[in-house]
Amino acid sequence: MITSLAPILADISLPKMFPVRQHFSDRSLSKEAMRDTLQSQLSRFAGDIKPGASIAIAAGSRGIANAPYLLKIISDFVKGQGGAPFIVPAMGSHGGATAQGQVEVLHSYGITEETIGCPIRATMDVVEVGHTPLGEPVCMDAIAAHADGIVPFCRVKPHTAFTGPIESGIMKMLTIGLGNHHGASRCHNIGYKHFHRLIPQCGQTIIENAPVLFAVAVLEDAFDRTAQVTVVKADQVAAEEPALLRKAKALMPRLLLGEYDILIVDQIGKDISGAGMDPHITGGYATPYAHGTEKPQVIGVLDLTPATNGNAIGLGQADIISRRLYDKMIPADGYANAIVSNMLSTVKVPLIADCDRDLLQIAIKCCEGIDKRKPRIIRIKDTLHITDILVSEALLPQIKDNITVEGPGEDWSFLENGNLW
């Protein structure tokens, strides 16, 4: 396909790409092991639930592996003690910041009254429960606050926009999730710069002033499978959550090849990461308050996932996108996320390449200090699936024991219009 850029890209050739497999440890638990572990740990709290006590089990808007299965075990435990469990959405502004929208998000993950065996009660109303040591007001979901007990169910993992001893997990679910739209907006208005302090302080304020009994925290392995289930007593969350986060970071997958020049991501989307693509894989952090992975010189993104429904949050962390992606965008959907989270950079539109071939050639052309005949390129499907990836020949000398070459190198296969599909 001849474009107006053809003259300046004419000298850029594309290297062969080799299929390689990154080997990560499978730490997943069987359902029987999950059940036995969770039931055993829950038994320590049998005396904390009185007959007839209303217990709010908080469930969020992330796709946690085995969530319905684990939530039912929690619900059944509460009922076994004579309590009256119910599910309360804990997802800040997600679901369109409406009670019905948040119930629908839970349903999309298989969390229904039928699967869990207890009602779902949702509201956007909040009540103020206290103040942080710096005097910041802390609010939480009104229905949960008036229950006899609260049990957050969540996943502990690194956050995409800030780094600290406590990131995504129990404290964040208490602060942002159960804060509903009002609490989430209040925290984001204070800013990610302060989240390393704000999240633990707000969470601790809720623990001290609301009937939080214990939390059920899940860790997942490199394949997004349940690797650990831990029940944490409310007054031990501040002490125990940092260790859970350290283990979650150790379990995370990553690109194992060391330094490289260009990352090509086939698709991004809200179903892949809240950030569209996980910056802990790409290095494309949206704020200066998160770190951990070095960004390559150029990130190119080719498409959106079907499930993201036009929400292109995260394209701002790319350097080049395809016209295919641009044409699928529904800007308002991504804008809503960016405005609520105060991260406008996540929806900034990068350079738009007319076709995939152009995108690749531009990426190579714009790399500095490299042999452009031997660019170090990694191509991934998305940031959730990085076991089987493609790498250019220049990266083969960086192959390690935990990576194997799975086949011969092949040329990029373009359609007549210059796209890969």
Protein backbone atom coordinates (compact mmCIF):
# COMPACT_ATOMS: atom_id res chain seq x y z
CA MET A 1 0.00 0.00 0.00
CA ILE A 2 1.53 3.32 -1.04
CA THR A 3 0.95 6.19 1.38
CA SER A 4 2.23 9.73 1.64
CA LEU A 5 4.80 8.42 4.11
CA ALA A 6 6.27 5.94 1.63
CA PRO A 7 9.27 8.09 0.66
CA ILE A 8 10.51 8.54 4.24
CA LEU A 9 9.85 4.91 5.20
CA ALA A 10 11.25 3.32 2.05
CA ASP A 11 14.59 2.42 3.64
CA ILE A 12 13.02 0.68 6.67
CA SER A 13 12.80 -3.09 6.36
CA LEU A 14 11.03 -5.33 8.85
CA PRO A 15 12.85 -8.18 10.60
CA LYS A 16 11.67 -11.76 10.80
CA MET A 17 9.79 -12.60 13.98
CA PHE A 18 10.35 -15.77 16.01
CA PRO A 19 7.72 -17.43 18.22
CA VAL A 20 9.04 -17.86 21.77
CA ARG A 21 7.48 -19.13 24.97
CA GLN A 22 8.09 -17.57 28.35
CA HIS A 23 7.87 -20.13 31.14
CA PHE A 24 6.13 -19.06 34.34
CA SER A 25 5.33 -21.16 37.37
CA ASP A 26 1.80 -22.48 37.64
CA ARG A 27 0.85 -21.73 41.25
CA SER A 28 -2.88 -22.25 40.83
CA LEU A 29 -4.96 -23.93 43.52
CA SER A 30 -7.57 -26.57 42.81
CA LYS A 31 -11.12 -25.70 43.77
CA GLU A 32 -10.92 -28.24 46.55
CA ALA A 33 -7.78 -26.57 47.93
CA MET A 34 -9.41 -23.13 47.69
CA ARG A 35 -12.48 -24.39 49.51
CA ASP A 36 -10.56 -26.15 52.26
CA THR A 37 -8.20 -23.22 52.82
CA LEU A 38 -10.95 -20.62 52.89
CA GLN A 39 -13.27 -22.62 55.11
CA SER A 40 -10.44 -23.36 57.54
CA GLN A 41 -9.44 -19.70 57.80
CA LEU A 42 -13.03 -18.49 58.06
CA SER A 43 -13.62 -20.83 60.99
CA ARG A 44 -11.40 -18.57 63.12
CA PHE A 45 -14.15 -15.93 62.93
CA ALA A 46 -17.12 -18.12 63.77
CA GLY A 47 -17.70 -16.35 67.07
CA ASP A 48 -17.68 -12.88 65.45
CA ILE A 49 -20.98 -13.39 63.62
CA LYS A 50 -24.05 -13.42 65.82
CA PRO A 51 -27.35 -15.07 64.85
CA GLY A 52 -29.42 -12.68 62.75
CA ALA A 53 -26.47 -10.34 62.07
CA SER A 54 -26.57 -8.65 58.66
CA ILE A 55 -23.21 -9.09 56.92
CA ALA A 56 -22.27 -7.03 53.86
CA ILE A 57 -19.88 -8.93 51.58
CA ALA A 58 -18.20 -6.35 49.35
CA ALA A 59 -17.51 -7.42 45.75
CA GLY A 60 -15.78 -5.25 43.15
CA SER A 61 -15.62 -4.59 39.43
CA ARG A 62 -12.50 -6.58 38.56
CA GLY A 63 -12.59 -10.00 36.95
CA ILE A 64 -11.19 -12.07 39.81
CA ALA A 65 -10.70 -15.75 39.02
CA ASN A 66 -13.23 -18.00 40.81
CA ALA A 67 -15.00 -14.99 42.33
CA PRO A 68 -18.52 -16.52 42.39
CA TYR A 69 -17.17 -19.77 43.84
CA LEU A 70 -15.28 -18.04 46.64
CA LEU A 71 -18.07 -15.56 47.39
CA LYS A 72 -20.53 -18.43 47.81
CA ILE A 73 -18.22 -20.07 50.34
CA ILE A 74 -18.13 -16.81 52.31
CA SER A 75 -21.91 -16.43 52.07
CA ASP A 76 -22.47 -20.04 53.17
CA PHE A 77 -20.11 -19.54 56.13
CA VAL A 78 -22.07 -16.49 57.28
CA LYS A 79 -25.35 -18.38 56.98
CA GLY A 80 -23.83 -21.28 58.85
CA GLN A 81 -23.25 -18.96 61.81
CA GLY A 82 -26.88 -17.79 61.70
CA GLY A 83 -26.02 -14.53 59.96
CA ALA A 84 -27.82 -12.88 57.05
CA PRO A 85 -25.29 -12.21 54.26
CA PHE A 86 -25.78 -9.95 51.27
CA ILE A 87 -23.54 -8.70 48.47
CA VAL A 88 -22.83 -4.99 48.20
CA PRO A 89 -21.04 -3.57 45.12
CA ALA A 90 -17.72 -1.96 46.00
CA MET A 91 -16.50 -0.36 42.79
CA GLY A 92 -16.33 3.40 43.24
CA SER A 93 -17.61 5.09 40.07
CA HIS A 94 -17.73 2.01 37.85
CA GLY A 95 -20.96 0.79 36.34
CA GLY A 96 -21.83 4.30 35.22
CA ALA A 97 -21.81 5.43 38.86
CA THR A 98 -25.35 4.06 39.32
CA ALA A 99 -26.61 1.36 41.65
CA GLN A 100 -28.22 -0.59 38.81
CA GLY A 101 -25.14 -0.25 36.66
CA GLN A 102 -23.00 -1.70 39.42
CA VAL A 103 -25.35 -4.64 39.89
CA GLU A 104 -25.06 -5.29 36.16
CA VAL A 105 -21.25 -5.28 36.45
CA LEU A 106 -21.51 -7.94 39.18
CA HIS A 107 -23.85 -9.98 37.00
CA SER A 108 -21.34 -9.83 34.14
CA TYR A 109 -18.87 -11.68 36.38
CA GLY A 110 -21.42 -14.31 37.36
CA ILE A 111 -22.09 -12.74 40.75
CA THR A 112 -25.86 -12.98 41.11
CA GLU A 113 -28.30 -13.70 43.90
CA GLU A 114 -28.73 -17.20 42.48
CA THR A 115 -25.01 -18.07 42.23
CA ILE A 116 -24.01 -16.66 45.62
CA GLY A 117 -27.19 -17.58 47.46
CA CYS A 118 -27.88 -14.19 49.02
CA PRO A 119 -29.35 -10.81 47.98
CA ILE A 120 -27.48 -7.99 46.27
CA ARG A 121 -28.14 -4.54 47.74
CA ALA A 122 -26.78 -1.51 45.95
CA THR A 123 -26.81 2.23 46.49
CA MET A 124 -24.72 5.24 45.60
CA ASP A 125 -25.50 6.84 48.99
CA VAL A 126 -22.62 7.27 51.40
CA VAL A 127 -22.17 8.23 55.05
CA GLU A 128 -19.17 9.93 56.62
CA VAL A 129 -17.41 7.66 59.11
CA GLY A 130 -14.42 9.70 60.22
CA HIS A 131 -11.34 11.66 59.20
CA THR A 132 -7.74 10.79 58.35
CA PRO A 133 -4.93 12.06 60.60
CA LEU A 134 -4.64 15.02 58.22
CA GLY A 135 -8.33 15.85 58.63
CA GLU A 136 -9.60 14.51 55.29
CA PRO A 137 -13.21 13.27 55.56
CA VAL A 138 -13.75 9.57 54.87
CA CYS A 139 -17.06 8.20 53.60
CA MET A 140 -18.38 4.79 52.69
CA ASP A 141 -21.38 2.98 51.23
CA ALA A 142 -24.45 3.67 53.39
CA ILE A 143 -25.88 0.15 53.19
CA ALA A 144 -22.58 -1.45 54.20
CA ALA A 145 -22.01 1.08 56.98
CA HIS A 146 -25.35 0.19 58.58
CA ALA A 147 -24.78 -3.57 58.42
CA ASP A 148 -23.72 -5.49 61.52
CA GLY A 149 -20.56 -6.60 59.78
CA ILE A 150 -18.55 -5.95 56.59
CA VAL A 151 -16.40 -8.49 54.74
CA PRO A 152 -14.42 -7.11 51.76
CA PHE A 153 -13.58 -9.68 49.06
CA CYS A 154 -10.81 -8.49 46.77
CA ARG A 155 -7.61 -9.24 44.86
CA VAL A 156 -4.28 -7.84 45.99
CA LYS A 157 -2.05 -6.68 43.12
CA PRO A 158 0.10 -3.74 42.00
CA HIS A 159 -1.75 -0.56 41.08
CA THR A 160 -1.19 0.94 37.64
CA ALA A 161 -0.94 4.59 38.73
CA PHE A 162 0.95 4.70 42.02
CA THR A 163 3.53 2.71 43.95
CA GLY A 164 3.53 2.18 47.70
CA PRO A 165 3.56 -0.48 50.43
CA ILE A 166 -0.21 -0.84 49.95
CA GLU A 167 -1.68 -0.53 46.46
CA SER A 168 -4.70 -2.41 45.01
CA GLY A 169 -6.30 -4.64 47.60
CA ILE A 170 -8.13 -4.51 50.90
CA MET A 171 -7.47 -0.89 51.85
CA LYS A 172 -8.24 0.34 48.35
CA MET A 173 -11.53 -1.59 48.26
CA LEU A 174 -12.54 -0.01 51.57
CA THR A 175 -11.51 3.48 50.46
CA ILE A 176 -12.31 3.66 46.73
CA GLY A 177 -14.62 0.69 46.20
CA LEU A 178 -16.91 1.22 49.19
CA GLY A 179 -16.51 4.98 48.80
CA ASN A 180 -18.87 4.76 45.81
CA HIS A 181 -18.78 7.63 43.33
CA HIS A 182 -18.49 10.30 46.03
CA GLY A 183 -15.59 8.71 47.87
CA ALA A 184 -13.75 7.66 44.71
CA SER A 185 -14.02 11.16 43.25
CA ARG A 186 -12.88 12.75 46.49
CA CYS A 187 -9.75 10.59 46.59
CA HIS A 188 -8.94 11.15 42.92
CA ASN A 189 -9.32 14.89 43.40
CA ILE A 190 -6.63 14.73 46.09
CA GLY A 191 -4.49 12.97 43.49
CA TYR A 192 -2.43 9.85 42.85
CA LYS A 193 0.61 11.68 44.22
CA HIS A 194 -0.86 11.12 47.68
CA PHE A 195 -2.39 7.65 47.23
CA HIS A 196 0.53 5.85 48.89
CA ARG A 197 -0.51 7.67 52.08
CA LEU A 198 -4.19 8.32 51.45
CA ILE A 199 -5.32 4.75 50.75
CA PRO A 200 -3.89 3.24 53.96
CA GLN A 201 -5.05 6.16 56.11
CA CYS A 202 -8.61 6.18 54.72
CA GLY A 203 -8.80 2.39 54.92
CA GLN A 204 -7.63 2.39 58.52
CA THR A 205 -10.17 5.09 59.38
CA ILE A 206 -12.95 2.88 57.99
CA ILE A 207 -11.66 -0.16 59.89
CA GLU A 208 -11.67 1.83 63.13
CA ASN A 209 -15.10 3.40 62.64
CA ALA A 210 -17.16 0.86 60.66
CA PRO A 211 -18.05 -2.78 61.43
CA VAL A 212 -15.34 -4.40 59.28
CA LEU A 213 -14.89 -7.97 60.56
CA PHE A 214 -12.25 -9.42 58.26
CA ALA A 215 -11.24 -9.38 54.59
CA VAL A 216 -10.79 -12.18 52.09
CA ALA A 217 -7.83 -11.42 49.84
CA VAL A 218 -6.96 -13.34 46.68
CA LEU A 219 -3.58 -13.54 44.96
CA GLU A 220 -3.31 -14.70 41.35
CA ASP A 221 -0.41 -16.31 39.50
CA ALA A 222 1.10 -15.44 36.13
CA PHE A 223 -1.85 -17.11 34.38
CA ASP A 224 -4.52 -15.11 36.30
CA ARG A 225 -5.43 -18.20 38.31
CA THR A 226 -6.08 -18.29 42.03
CA ALA A 227 -2.76 -18.88 43.77
CA GLN A 228 -3.60 -17.96 47.36
CA VAL A 229 -6.65 -17.12 49.45
CA THR A 230 -6.01 -15.35 52.76
CA VAL A 231 -8.46 -14.20 55.41
CA VAL A 232 -7.15 -11.15 57.27
CA LYS A 233 -8.61 -9.90 60.54
CA ALA A 234 -9.64 -6.25 60.28
CA ASP A 235 -7.15 -4.95 62.85
CA GLN A 236 -4.31 -6.80 61.08
CA VAL A 237 -4.89 -5.44 57.56
CA ALA A 238 -2.38 -2.59 57.87
CA ALA A 239 0.29 -5.02 59.06
CA GLU A 240 -0.41 -7.92 56.67
CA GLU A 241 -1.40 -6.31 53.36
CA PRO A 242 2.14 -5.10 52.45
CA ALA A 243 3.43 -8.70 52.55
CA LEU A 244 0.52 -9.84 50.37
CA LEU A 245 1.39 -7.12 47.84
CA ARG A 246 5.05 -8.17 47.76
CA LYS A 247 4.02 -11.75 47.04
CA ALA A 248 1.53 -10.59 44.37
CA LYS A 249 4.32 -8.68 42.61
CA ALA A 250 6.55 -11.75 42.70
CA LEU A 251 3.77 -13.84 41.11
CA MET A 252 3.14 -11.40 38.25
CA PRO A 253 4.20 -12.28 34.70
CA ARG A 254 6.59 -9.97 32.88
CA LEU A 255 8.63 -9.76 29.71
CA LEU A 256 11.81 -11.68 30.51
CA LEU A 257 14.11 -10.67 27.66
CA GLY A 258 15.70 -7.60 29.22
CA GLU A 259 16.15 -4.41 27.21
CA TYR A 260 14.39 -4.04 23.87
CA ASP A 261 13.42 -1.19 21.54
CA ILE A 262 9.82 -1.62 20.40
CA LEU A 263 6.71 -3.22 21.88
CA ILE A 264 3.81 -4.05 19.56
CA VAL A 265 0.52 -4.75 21.35
CA ASP A 266 -2.18 -6.34 19.22
CA GLN A 267 -5.06 -5.15 21.41
CA ILE A 268 -5.90 -3.14 24.51
CA GLY A 269 -9.14 -2.87 26.45
CA LYS A 270 -10.87 -2.48 29.81
CA ASP A 271 -11.28 -6.26 29.95
CA ILE A 272 -7.48 -6.59 29.78
CA SER A 273 -6.60 -3.98 32.40
CA GLY A 274 -8.26 -1.02 34.07
CA ALA A 275 -5.52 0.94 32.31
CA GLY A 276 -6.24 -0.66 28.91
CA MET A 277 -2.82 -2.28 28.94
CA ASP A 278 -0.94 -3.05 32.14
CA PRO A 279 1.98 -0.64 32.57
CA HIS A 280 3.74 -3.21 34.76
CA ILE A 281 4.17 -5.14 31.50
CA THR A 282 4.68 -2.26 29.06
CA GLY A 283 6.42 0.35 31.22
CA GLY A 284 3.92 2.93 29.92
CA TYR A 285 2.83 4.41 33.23
CA ALA A 286 0.20 7.13 33.12
CA THR A 287 1.52 8.99 36.16
CA PRO A 288 4.98 9.72 37.57
CA TYR A 289 3.92 8.07 40.84
CA ALA A 290 4.11 4.48 39.59
CA HIS A 291 7.24 2.66 38.52
CA GLY A 292 8.78 -0.77 38.23
CA THR A 293 9.13 -1.60 34.53
CA GLU A 294 11.22 0.32 32.01
CA LYS A 295 9.39 1.58 28.92
CA PRO A 296 10.80 0.69 25.47
CA GLN A 297 11.52 3.51 23.04
CA VAL A 298 8.25 2.97 21.14
CA ILE A 299 4.95 1.30 22.00
CA GLY A 300 2.61 0.61 19.08
CA VAL A 301 -0.98 -0.58 19.51
CA LEU A 302 -2.95 -2.19 16.69
CA ASP A 303 -6.53 -2.71 17.91
CA LEU A 304 -9.17 -2.70 20.66
CA THR A 305 -10.64 -5.84 22.18
CA PRO A 306 -14.27 -6.51 21.23
CA ALA A 307 -15.26 -6.56 24.92
CA THR A 308 -14.00 -3.03 25.57
CA ASN A 309 -16.85 -1.74 23.35
CA GLY A 310 -14.93 1.25 22.00
CA ASN A 311 -13.44 2.32 25.34
CA ALA A 312 -9.85 3.09 24.35
CA ILE A 313 -8.54 4.01 27.79
CA GLY A 314 -4.79 3.51 27.74
CA LEU A 315 -4.11 4.59 24.16
CA GLY A 316 -2.40 7.66 25.60
CA GLN A 317 0.44 5.46 26.83
CA ALA A 318 1.13 4.33 23.26
CA ASP A 319 3.37 6.25 20.86
CA ILE A 320 1.64 5.06 17.68
CA ILE A 321 -1.78 3.51 17.07
CA SER A 322 -3.41 2.08 13.98
CA ARG A 323 -6.22 3.77 12.10
CA ARG A 324 -8.21 0.60 12.74
CA LEU A 325 -8.07 1.31 16.47
CA TYR A 326 -8.82 5.01 16.01
CA ASP A 327 -11.92 4.25 13.94
CA LYS A 328 -13.27 1.91 16.65
CA MET A 329 -12.91 4.41 19.48
CA ILE A 330 -15.95 5.76 21.31
CA PRO A 331 -14.20 8.75 22.88
CA ALA A 332 -16.83 9.54 25.53
CA ASP A 333 -16.41 6.13 27.19
CA GLY A 334 -12.69 6.55 27.69
CA TYR A 335 -13.11 10.21 28.60
CA ALA A 336 -15.45 9.29 31.48
CA ASN A 337 -12.78 7.03 32.99
CA ALA A 338 -10.03 9.59 32.44
CA ILE A 339 -12.01 12.45 33.99
CA VAL A 340 -13.10 10.51 37.09
CA SER A 341 -9.54 9.27 37.68
CA ASN A 342 -7.94 12.64 36.83
CA MET A 343 -5.66 10.98 34.27
CA LEU A 344 -6.27 12.81 31.00
CA SER A 345 -3.06 11.41 29.54
CA THR A 346 -4.69 7.97 29.29
CA VAL A 347 -6.92 9.12 26.42
CA LYS A 348 -4.56 11.38 24.50
CA VAL A 349 -4.43 10.31 20.85
CA PRO A 350 -0.93 9.35 19.63
CA LEU A 351 0.31 9.38 16.04
CA ILE A 352 -2.14 7.44 13.85
CA ALA A 353 -0.64 5.13 11.22
CA ASP A 354 -2.77 4.44 8.16
CA CYS A 355 -1.85 0.75 8.19
CA ASP A 356 0.03 -1.75 10.33
CA ARG A 357 3.04 -1.82 8.01
CA ASP A 358 3.41 1.93 8.34
CA LEU A 359 3.09 1.66 12.12
CA LEU A 360 5.96 -0.80 12.32
CA GLN A 361 8.20 1.14 9.96
CA ILE A 362 7.52 4.39 11.83
CA ALA A 363 8.38 2.68 15.13
CA ILE A 364 11.74 1.52 13.79
CA LYS A 365 12.44 4.84 12.06
CA CYS A 366 11.90 6.76 15.30
CA CYS A 367 14.11 4.64 17.54
CA GLU A 368 17.32 6.38 18.54
CA GLY A 369 20.77 4.87 18.86
CA ILE A 370 19.96 1.47 17.34
CA ASP A 371 20.95 -0.43 14.24
CA LYS A 372 17.70 0.03 12.32
CA ARG A 373 18.47 -3.12 10.33
CA LYS A 374 18.35 -5.10 13.59
CA PRO A 375 15.62 -3.61 15.80
CA ARG A 376 14.74 -5.43 19.01
CA ILE A 377 10.97 -5.90 18.72
CA ILE A 378 8.55 -7.78 20.98
CA ARG A 379 4.98 -8.42 19.86
CA ILE A 380 2.27 -9.54 22.31
CA LYS A 381 -1.44 -10.24 21.94
CA ASP A 382 -2.24 -8.14 25.03
CA THR A 383 -0.79 -7.62 28.50
CA LEU A 384 -2.81 -10.50 29.97
CA HIS A 385 -1.32 -13.05 27.59
CA ILE A 386 2.47 -12.93 27.45
CA THR A 387 3.39 -16.61 27.65
CA ASP A 388 3.57 -17.01 23.85
CA ILE A 389 5.05 -13.95 22.18
CA LEU A 390 6.96 -13.00 19.04
CA VAL A 391 10.45 -11.50 19.07
CA SER A 392 12.75 -10.21 16.36
CA GLU A 393 16.01 -11.95 15.51
CA ALA A 394 18.08 -9.32 17.30
CA LEU A 395 16.60 -10.50 20.61
CA LEU A 396 17.54 -14.16 20.20
CA PRO A 397 20.94 -13.72 21.94
CA GLN A 398 18.97 -12.59 25.04
CA ILE A 399 17.08 -15.89 25.30
CA LYS A 400 17.44 -17.33 28.81
CA ASP A 401 16.69 -20.64 30.51
CA ASN A 402 13.08 -19.62 31.17
CA ILE A 403 12.41 -18.82 27.49
CA THR A 404 12.36 -21.25 24.57
CA VAL A 405 12.24 -20.63 20.82
CA GLU A 406 9.19 -22.46 19.47
CA GLY A 407 9.72 -22.22 15.71
CA PRO A 408 11.55 -20.59 12.81
CA GLY A 409 11.47 -16.91 12.04
CA GLU A 410 8.76 -15.65 9.69
CA ASP A 411 8.17 -12.47 7.75
CA TRP A 412 5.33 -10.16 8.71
CA SER A 413 2.26 -11.24 6.73
CA PHE A 414 0.34 -8.21 5.50
CA LEU A 415 -2.91 -8.02 3.57
CA GLU A 416 -3.10 -5.93 0.42
CA ASN A 417 -4.10 -2.88 2.47
CA GLY A 418 -0.99 -3.12 4.63
CA ASN A 419 -2.77 -4.46 7.72
CA LEU A 420 -2.10 -7.71 9.54
CA TRP A 421 -5.85 -8.56 9.66
